[in-house]
Amino acid sequence: MRRVQVVEAKSKFLELLAAVEAGETIAIMRRGRVVARLVPDVPRSAADVFRPLWLQGDDIDLAPPADSPPDSVVTS
């Protein structure tokens, strides 16, 4: 993980975003302490979020939805 000071982050923001898009995590530092992190976005589906609940068994009465491809978007 790369660490950069706030001043450098301000001056090189677009460069840092490109690095994050490429998969890198960047820590933003102020006075030697991490104050923020830039991390790549990881898309998650609702099924991924609720899977731990479904795996609990009898404690909850949820059923996982069938995975299906997203609906197509029609533009005019």
PDB file of N, CA and C in Angstrom:
ATOM      1  N   MET A   1       0.854  -1.171   0.000  1.00  0.00           N
ATOM      2  CA  MET A   1       0.000   0.000   0.000  1.00  0.00           C
ATOM      3  C   MET A   1       0.900   1.234   0.000  1.00  0.00           C
ATOM      4  N   ARG A   2       0.626   2.107  -0.922  1.00  0.00           N
ATOM      5  CA  ARG A   2       1.381   3.343  -1.019  1.00  0.00           C
ATOM      6  C   ARG A   2       0.821   4.345  -0.015  1.00  0.00           C
ATOM      7  N   ARG A   3       1.696   5.130   0.600  1.00  0.00           N
ATOM      8  CA  ARG A   3       1.289   6.167   1.548  1.00  0.00           C
ATOM      9  C   ARG A   3       1.701   7.526   0.995  1.00  0.00           C
ATOM     10  N   VAL A   4       0.771   8.468   0.999  1.00  0.00           N
ATOM     11  CA  VAL A   4       1.083   9.817   0.510  1.00  0.00           C
ATOM     12  C   VAL A   4       0.552  10.839   1.507  1.00  0.00           C
ATOM     13  N   GLN A   5       1.259  11.953   1.599  1.00  0.00           N
ATOM     14  CA  GLN A   5       0.819  13.043   2.458  1.00  0.00           C
ATOM     15  C   GLN A   5      -0.353  13.773   1.796  1.00  0.00           C
ATOM     16  N   VAL A   6      -1.153  14.459   2.592  1.00  0.00           N
ATOM     17  CA  VAL A   6      -2.331  15.170   2.095  1.00  0.00           C
ATOM     18  C   VAL A   6      -1.946  16.140   0.982  1.00  0.00           C
ATOM     19  N   VAL A   7      -0.864  16.872   1.153  1.00  0.00           N
ATOM     20  CA  VAL A   7      -0.438  17.859   0.153  1.00  0.00           C
ATOM     21  C   VAL A   7      -0.169  17.170  -1.194  1.00  0.00           C
ATOM     22  N   GLU A   8       0.512  16.023  -1.144  1.00  0.00           N
ATOM     23  CA  GLU A   8       0.789  15.286  -2.382  1.00  0.00           C
ATOM     24  C   GLU A   8      -0.503  14.745  -2.987  1.00  0.00           C
ATOM     25  N   ALA A   9      -1.415  14.265  -2.134  1.00  0.00           N
ATOM     26  CA  ALA A   9      -2.692  13.740  -2.626  1.00  0.00           C
ATOM     27  C   ALA A   9      -3.477  14.830  -3.345  1.00  0.00           C
ATOM     28  N   LYS A  10      -3.445  16.044  -2.813  1.00  0.00           N
ATOM     29  CA  LYS A  10      -4.154  17.153  -3.464  1.00  0.00           C
ATOM     30  C   LYS A  10      -3.563  17.458  -4.832  1.00  0.00           C
ATOM     31  N   SER A  11      -2.246  17.442  -4.921  1.00  0.00           N
ATOM     32  CA  SER A  11      -1.615  17.828  -6.184  1.00  0.00           C
ATOM     33  C   SER A  11      -1.607  16.710  -7.223  1.00  0.00           C
ATOM     34  N   LYS A  12      -1.754  15.457  -6.782  1.00  0.00           N
ATOM     35  CA  LYS A  12      -1.690  14.323  -7.711  1.00  0.00           C
ATOM     36  C   LYS A  12      -2.957  13.483  -7.666  1.00  0.00           C
ATOM     37  N   PHE A  13      -4.090  14.099  -7.403  1.00  0.00           N
ATOM     38  CA  PHE A  13      -5.333  13.352  -7.205  1.00  0.00           C
ATOM     39  C   PHE A  13      -5.692  12.464  -8.396  1.00  0.00           C
ATOM     40  N   LEU A  14      -5.626  12.990  -9.611  1.00  0.00           N
ATOM     41  CA  LEU A  14      -5.980  12.198 -10.789  1.00  0.00           C
ATOM     42  C   LEU A  14      -5.035  11.017 -10.974  1.00  0.00           C
ATOM     43  N   GLU A  15      -3.768  11.212 -10.696  1.00  0.00           N
ATOM     44  CA  GLU A  15      -2.795  10.126 -10.780  1.00  0.00           C
ATOM     45  C   GLU A  15      -3.118   9.047  -9.740  1.00  0.00           C
ATOM     46  N   LEU A  16      -3.484   9.468  -8.532  1.00  0.00           N
ATOM     47  CA  LEU A  16      -3.831   8.513  -7.487  1.00  0.00           C
ATOM     48  C   LEU A  16      -5.094   7.737  -7.858  1.00  0.00           C
ATOM     49  N   LEU A  17      -6.079   8.422  -8.448  1.00  0.00           N
ATOM     50  CA  LEU A  17      -7.293   7.726  -8.878  1.00  0.00           C
ATOM     51  C   LEU A  17      -6.985   6.669  -9.935  1.00  0.00           C
ATOM     52  N   ALA A  18      -6.092   6.989 -10.844  1.00  0.00           N
ATOM     53  CA  ALA A  18      -5.702   6.017 -11.871  1.00  0.00           C
ATOM     54  C   ALA A  18      -5.046   4.796 -11.219  1.00  0.00           C
ATOM     55  N   ALA A  19      -4.221   5.020 -10.207  1.00  0.00           N
ATOM     56  CA  ALA A  19      -3.577   3.907  -9.511  1.00  0.00           C
ATOM     57  C   ALA A  19      -4.615   3.045  -8.787  1.00  0.00           C
ATOM     58  N   VAL A  20      -5.611   3.689  -8.190  1.00  0.00           N
ATOM     59  CA  VAL A  20      -6.668   2.946  -7.500  1.00  0.00           C
ATOM     60  C   VAL A  20      -7.493   2.147  -8.507  1.00  0.00           C
ATOM     61  N   GLU A  21      -7.797   2.742  -9.654  1.00  0.00           N
ATOM     62  CA  GLU A  21      -8.522   2.012 -10.708  1.00  0.00           C
ATOM     63  C   GLU A  21      -7.744   0.776 -11.160  1.00  0.00           C
ATOM     64  N   ALA A  22      -6.416   0.860 -11.083  1.00  0.00           N
ATOM     65  CA  ALA A  22      -5.568  -0.263 -11.479  1.00  0.00           C
ATOM     66  C   ALA A  22      -5.443  -1.306 -10.363  1.00  0.00           C
ATOM     67  N   GLY A  23      -6.085  -1.049  -9.212  1.00  0.00           N
ATOM     68  CA  GLY A  23      -6.104  -2.042  -8.146  1.00  0.00           C
ATOM     69  C   GLY A  23      -5.283  -1.698  -6.915  1.00  0.00           C
ATOM     70  N   GLU A  24      -4.607  -0.570  -6.916  1.00  0.00           N
ATOM     71  CA  GLU A  24      -3.751  -0.201  -5.791  1.00  0.00           C
ATOM     72  C   GLU A  24      -4.572   0.444  -4.673  1.00  0.00           C
ATOM     73  N   THR A  25      -4.164   0.229  -3.430  1.00  0.00           N
ATOM     74  CA  THR A  25      -4.746   0.916  -2.279  1.00  0.00           C
ATOM     75  C   THR A  25      -3.769   1.982  -1.835  1.00  0.00           C
ATOM     76  N   ILE A  26      -4.285   3.177  -1.543  1.00  0.00           N
ATOM     77  CA  ILE A  26      -3.430   4.299  -1.176  1.00  0.00           C
ATOM     78  C   ILE A  26      -3.901   4.865   0.153  1.00  0.00           C
ATOM     79  N   ALA A  27      -2.955   5.027   1.089  1.00  0.00           N
ATOM     80  CA  ALA A  27      -3.254   5.635   2.386  1.00  0.00           C
ATOM     81  C   ALA A  27      -2.894   7.113   2.319  1.00  0.00           C
ATOM     82  N   ILE A  28      -3.817   7.951   2.764  1.00  0.00           N
ATOM     83  CA  ILE A  28      -3.580   9.391   2.823  1.00  0.00           C
ATOM     84  C   ILE A  28      -3.155   9.717   4.264  1.00  0.00           C
ATOM     85  N   MET A  29      -1.993  10.354   4.402  1.00  0.00           N
ATOM     86  CA  MET A  29      -1.402  10.618   5.712  1.00  0.00           C
ATOM     87  C   MET A  29      -1.457  12.110   6.061  1.00  0.00           C
ATOM     88  N   ARG A  30      -1.650  12.378   7.346  1.00  0.00           N
ATOM     89  CA  ARG A  30      -1.526  13.744   7.866  1.00  0.00           C
ATOM     90  C   ARG A  30      -0.744  13.642   9.170  1.00  0.00           C
ATOM     91  N   ARG A  31       0.380  14.345   9.234  1.00  0.00           N
ATOM     92  CA  ARG A  31       1.252  14.339  10.405  1.00  0.00           C
ATOM     93  C   ARG A  31       1.593  12.912  10.868  1.00  0.00           C
ATOM     94  N   GLY A  32       1.892  12.034   9.898  1.00  0.00           N
ATOM     95  CA  GLY A  32       2.339  10.690  10.219  1.00  0.00           C
ATOM     96  C   GLY A  32       1.239   9.688  10.539  1.00  0.00           C
ATOM     97  N   ARG A  33      -0.033  10.103  10.443  1.00  0.00           N
ATOM     98  CA  ARG A  33      -1.153   9.202  10.732  1.00  0.00           C
ATOM     99  C   ARG A  33      -2.034   9.047   9.503  1.00  0.00           C
ATOM    100  N   VAL A  34      -2.527   7.831   9.297  1.00  0.00           N
ATOM    101  CA  VAL A  34      -3.450   7.587   8.187  1.00  0.00           C
ATOM    102  C   VAL A  34      -4.788   8.232   8.538  1.00  0.00           C
ATOM    103  N   VAL A  35      -5.281   9.104   7.641  1.00  0.00           N
ATOM    104  CA  VAL A  35      -6.576   9.750   7.868  1.00  0.00           C
ATOM    105  C   VAL A  35      -7.629   9.260   6.878  1.00  0.00           C
ATOM    106  N   ALA A  36      -7.189   8.617   5.789  1.00  0.00           N
ATOM    107  CA  ALA A  36      -8.136   8.104   4.797  1.00  0.00           C
ATOM    108  C   ALA A  36      -7.425   7.066   3.942  1.00  0.00           C
ATOM    109  N   ARG A  37      -8.230   6.245   3.277  1.00  0.00           N
ATOM    110  CA  ARG A  37      -7.700   5.270   2.328  1.00  0.00           C
ATOM    111  C   ARG A  37      -8.494   5.367   1.028  1.00  0.00           C
ATOM    112  N   LEU A  38      -7.784   5.300  -0.079  1.00  0.00           N
ATOM    113  CA  LEU A  38      -8.416   5.175  -1.388  1.00  0.00           C
ATOM    114  C   LEU A  38      -8.291   3.709  -1.764  1.00  0.00           C
ATOM    115  N   VAL A  39      -9.426   3.053  -1.947  1.00  0.00           N
ATOM    116  CA  VAL A  39      -9.416   1.625  -2.259  1.00  0.00           C
ATOM    117  C   VAL A  39     -10.239   1.378  -3.514  1.00  0.00           C
ATOM    118  N   PRO A  40      -9.876   0.354  -4.293  1.00  0.00           N
ATOM    119  CA  PRO A  40     -10.670   0.035  -5.484  1.00  0.00           C
ATOM    120  C   PRO A  40     -12.082  -0.382  -5.077  1.00  0.00           C
ATOM    121  N   ASP A  41     -13.040  -0.020  -5.890  1.00  0.00           N
ATOM    122  CA  ASP A  41     -14.427  -0.405  -5.651  1.00  0.00           C
ATOM    123  C   ASP A  41     -14.603  -1.856  -6.037  1.00  0.00           C
ATOM    124  N   VAL A  42     -15.262  -2.611  -5.169  1.00  0.00           N
ATOM    125  CA  VAL A  42     -15.540  -4.020  -5.439  1.00  0.00           C
ATOM    126  C   VAL A  42     -17.050  -4.172  -5.519  1.00  0.00           C
ATOM    127  N   PRO A  43     -17.587  -4.344  -6.726  1.00  0.00           N
ATOM    128  CA  PRO A  43     -19.035  -4.495  -6.837  1.00  0.00           C
ATOM    129  C   PRO A  43     -19.505  -5.749  -6.092  1.00  0.00           C
ATOM    130  N   ARG A  44     -20.598  -5.594  -5.358  1.00  0.00           N
ATOM    131  CA  ARG A  44     -21.170  -6.730  -4.638  1.00  0.00           C
ATOM    132  C   ARG A  44     -22.646  -6.830  -4.974  1.00  0.00           C
ATOM    133  N   SER A  45     -23.111  -8.049  -5.095  1.00  0.00           N
ATOM    134  CA  SER A  45     -24.532  -8.244  -5.353  1.00  0.00           C
ATOM    135  C   SER A  45     -25.250  -8.412  -4.019  1.00  0.00           C
ATOM    136  N   ALA A  46     -26.546  -8.263  -4.032  1.00  0.00           N
ATOM    137  CA  ALA A  46     -27.343  -8.465  -2.826  1.00  0.00           C
ATOM    138  C   ALA A  46     -27.150  -9.882  -2.306  1.00  0.00           C
ATOM    139  N   ALA A  47     -27.005 -10.850  -3.211  1.00  0.00           N
ATOM    140  CA  ALA A  47     -26.791 -12.233  -2.793  1.00  0.00           C
ATOM    141  C   ALA A  47     -25.510 -12.362  -1.969  1.00  0.00           C
ATOM    142  N   ASP A  48     -24.458 -11.638  -2.362  1.00  0.00           N
ATOM    143  CA  ASP A  48     -23.203 -11.675  -1.597  1.00  0.00           C
ATOM    144  C   ASP A  48     -23.388 -11.074  -0.211  1.00  0.00           C
ATOM    145  N   VAL A  49     -24.150 -10.009  -0.118  1.00  0.00           N
ATOM    146  CA  VAL A  49     -24.358  -9.326   1.160  1.00  0.00           C
ATOM    147  C   VAL A  49     -25.169 -10.196   2.116  1.00  0.00           C
ATOM    148  N   PHE A  50     -26.207 -10.859   1.615  1.00  0.00           N
ATOM    149  CA  PHE A  50     -27.105 -11.630   2.475  1.00  0.00           C
ATOM    150  C   PHE A  50     -26.691 -13.093   2.662  1.00  0.00           C
ATOM    151  N   ARG A  51     -25.681 -13.565   1.929  1.00  0.00           N
ATOM    152  CA  ARG A  51     -25.277 -14.973   2.014  1.00  0.00           C
ATOM    153  C   ARG A  51     -25.020 -15.433   3.449  1.00  0.00           C
ATOM    154  N   PRO A  52     -24.327 -14.667   4.300  1.00  0.00           N
ATOM    155  CA  PRO A  52     -24.125 -15.125   5.682  1.00  0.00           C
ATOM    156  C   PRO A  52     -25.437 -15.383   6.417  1.00  0.00           C
ATOM    157  N   LEU A  53     -26.460 -14.606   6.134  1.00  0.00           N
ATOM    158  CA  LEU A  53     -27.751 -14.829   6.779  1.00  0.00           C
ATOM    159  C   LEU A  53     -28.375 -16.131   6.313  1.00  0.00           C
ATOM    160  N   TRP A  54     -28.271 -16.430   5.025  1.00  0.00           N
ATOM    161  CA  TRP A  54     -28.862 -17.658   4.493  1.00  0.00           C
ATOM    162  C   TRP A  54     -28.148 -18.885   5.042  1.00  0.00           C
ATOM    163  N   LEU A  55     -26.854 -18.744   5.327  1.00  0.00           N
ATOM    164  CA  LEU A  55     -26.075 -19.877   5.810  1.00  0.00           C
ATOM    165  C   LEU A  55     -26.319 -20.175   7.285  1.00  0.00           C
ATOM    166  N   GLN A  56     -27.018 -19.283   7.997  1.00  0.00           N
ATOM    167  CA  GLN A  56     -27.286 -19.498   9.418  1.00  0.00           C
ATOM    168  C   GLN A  56     -28.242 -20.656   9.643  1.00  0.00           C
ATOM    169  N   GLY A  57     -29.026 -20.998   8.684  1.00  0.00           N
ATOM    170  CA  GLY A  57     -29.916 -22.141   8.814  1.00  0.00           C
ATOM    171  C   GLY A  57     -31.320 -21.755   9.227  1.00  0.00           C
ATOM    172  N   ASP A  58     -31.813 -22.368  10.303  1.00  0.00           N
ATOM    173  CA  ASP A  58     -33.204 -22.224  10.717  1.00  0.00           C
ATOM    174  C   ASP A  58     -33.522 -20.906  11.412  1.00  0.00           C
ATOM    175  N   ASP A  59     -32.526 -20.109  11.749  1.00  0.00           N
ATOM    176  CA  ASP A  59     -32.767 -18.884  12.499  1.00  0.00           C
ATOM    177  C   ASP A  59     -33.479 -17.812  11.694  1.00  0.00           C
ATOM    178  N   ILE A  60     -33.465 -17.923  10.386  1.00  0.00           N
ATOM    179  CA  ILE A  60     -34.054 -16.880   9.546  1.00  0.00           C
ATOM    180  C   ILE A  60     -34.744 -17.551   8.359  1.00  0.00           C
ATOM    181  N   ASP A  61     -35.844 -16.995   7.917  1.00  0.00           N
ATOM    182  CA  ASP A  61     -36.617 -17.644   6.856  1.00  0.00           C
ATOM    183  C   ASP A  61     -36.456 -16.949   5.508  1.00  0.00           C
ATOM    184  N   LEU A  62     -35.236 -16.591   5.158  1.00  0.00           N
ATOM    185  CA  LEU A  62     -34.957 -15.996   3.856  1.00  0.00           C
ATOM    186  C   LEU A  62     -34.468 -17.076   2.895  1.00  0.00           C
ATOM    187  N   ALA A  63     -34.824 -16.930   1.654  1.00  0.00           N
ATOM    188  CA  ALA A  63     -34.316 -17.836   0.627  1.00  0.00           C
ATOM    189  C   ALA A  63     -33.535 -17.010  -0.388  1.00  0.00           C
ATOM    190  N   PRO A  64     -32.382 -17.495  -0.806  1.00  0.00           N
ATOM    191  CA  PRO A  64     -31.600 -16.716  -1.775  1.00  0.00           C
ATOM    192  C   PRO A  64     -32.306 -16.656  -3.123  1.00  0.00           C
ATOM    193  N   PRO A  65     -32.252 -15.513  -3.783  1.00  0.00           N
ATOM    194  CA  PRO A  65     -32.865 -15.417  -5.111  1.00  0.00           C
ATOM    195  C   PRO A  65     -32.011 -16.154  -6.144  1.00  0.00           C
ATOM    196  N   ALA A  66     -32.655 -16.552  -7.197  1.00  0.00           N
ATOM    197  CA  ALA A  66     -31.908 -17.167  -8.287  1.00  0.00           C
ATOM    198  C   ALA A  66     -31.063 -16.092  -8.964  1.00  0.00           C
ATOM    199  N   ASP A  67     -29.822 -16.419  -9.240  1.00  0.00           N
ATOM    200  CA  ASP A  67     -28.971 -15.460  -9.949  1.00  0.00           C
ATOM    201  C   ASP A  67     -29.393 -15.409 -11.400  1.00  0.00           C
ATOM    202  N   SER A  68     -29.567 -14.199 -11.891  1.00  0.00           N
ATOM    203  CA  SER A  68     -29.932 -14.032 -13.292  1.00  0.00           C
ATOM    204  C   SER A  68     -29.180 -12.836 -13.847  1.00  0.00           C
ATOM    205  N   PRO A  69     -28.967 -12.804 -15.135  1.00  0.00           N
ATOM    206  CA  PRO A  69     -28.254 -11.665 -15.723  1.00  0.00           C
ATOM    207  C   PRO A  69     -29.112 -10.395 -15.594  1.00  0.00           C
ATOM    208  N   PRO A  70     -28.485  -9.250 -15.546  1.00  0.00           N
ATOM    209  CA  PRO A  70     -29.232  -7.996 -15.432  1.00  0.00           C
ATOM    210  C   PRO A  70     -30.111  -7.770 -16.663  1.00  0.00           C
ATOM    211  N   ASP A  71     -31.202  -7.048 -16.473  1.00  0.00           N
ATOM    212  CA  ASP A  71     -32.092  -6.710 -17.576  1.00  0.00           C
ATOM    213  C   ASP A  71     -31.369  -5.767 -18.543  1.00  0.00           C
ATOM    214  N   SER A  72     -31.682  -5.898 -19.799  1.00  0.00           N
ATOM    215  CA  SER A  72     -31.068  -5.010 -20.778  1.00  0.00           C
ATOM    216  C   SER A  72     -31.724  -3.635 -20.694  1.00  0.00           C
ATOM    217  N   VAL A  73     -30.968  -2.637 -21.029  1.00  0.00           N
ATOM    218  CA  VAL A  73     -31.464  -1.266 -21.000  1.00  0.00           C
ATOM    219  C   VAL A  73     -31.766  -0.831 -22.420  1.00  0.00           C
ATOM    220  N   VAL A  74     -32.968  -0.340 -22.635  1.00  0.00           N
ATOM    221  CA  VAL A  74     -33.358   0.126 -23.952  1.00  0.00           C
ATOM    222  C   VAL A  74     -33.312   1.647 -23.935  1.00  0.00           C
ATOM    223  N   THR A  75     -32.543   2.205 -24.829  1.00  0.00           N
ATOM    224  CA  THR A  75     -32.467   3.667 -24.933  1.00  0.00           C
ATOM    225  C   THR A  75     -33.133   4.100 -26.229  1.00  0.00           C
ATOM    226  N   SER A  76     -33.712   5.274 -26.180  1.00  0.00           N
ATOM    227  CA  SER A  76     -34.372   5.745 -27.404  1.00  0.00           C
ATOM    228  C   SER A  76     -33.766   7.014 -27.903  1.00  0.00           C
TER     229      SER A  76
END
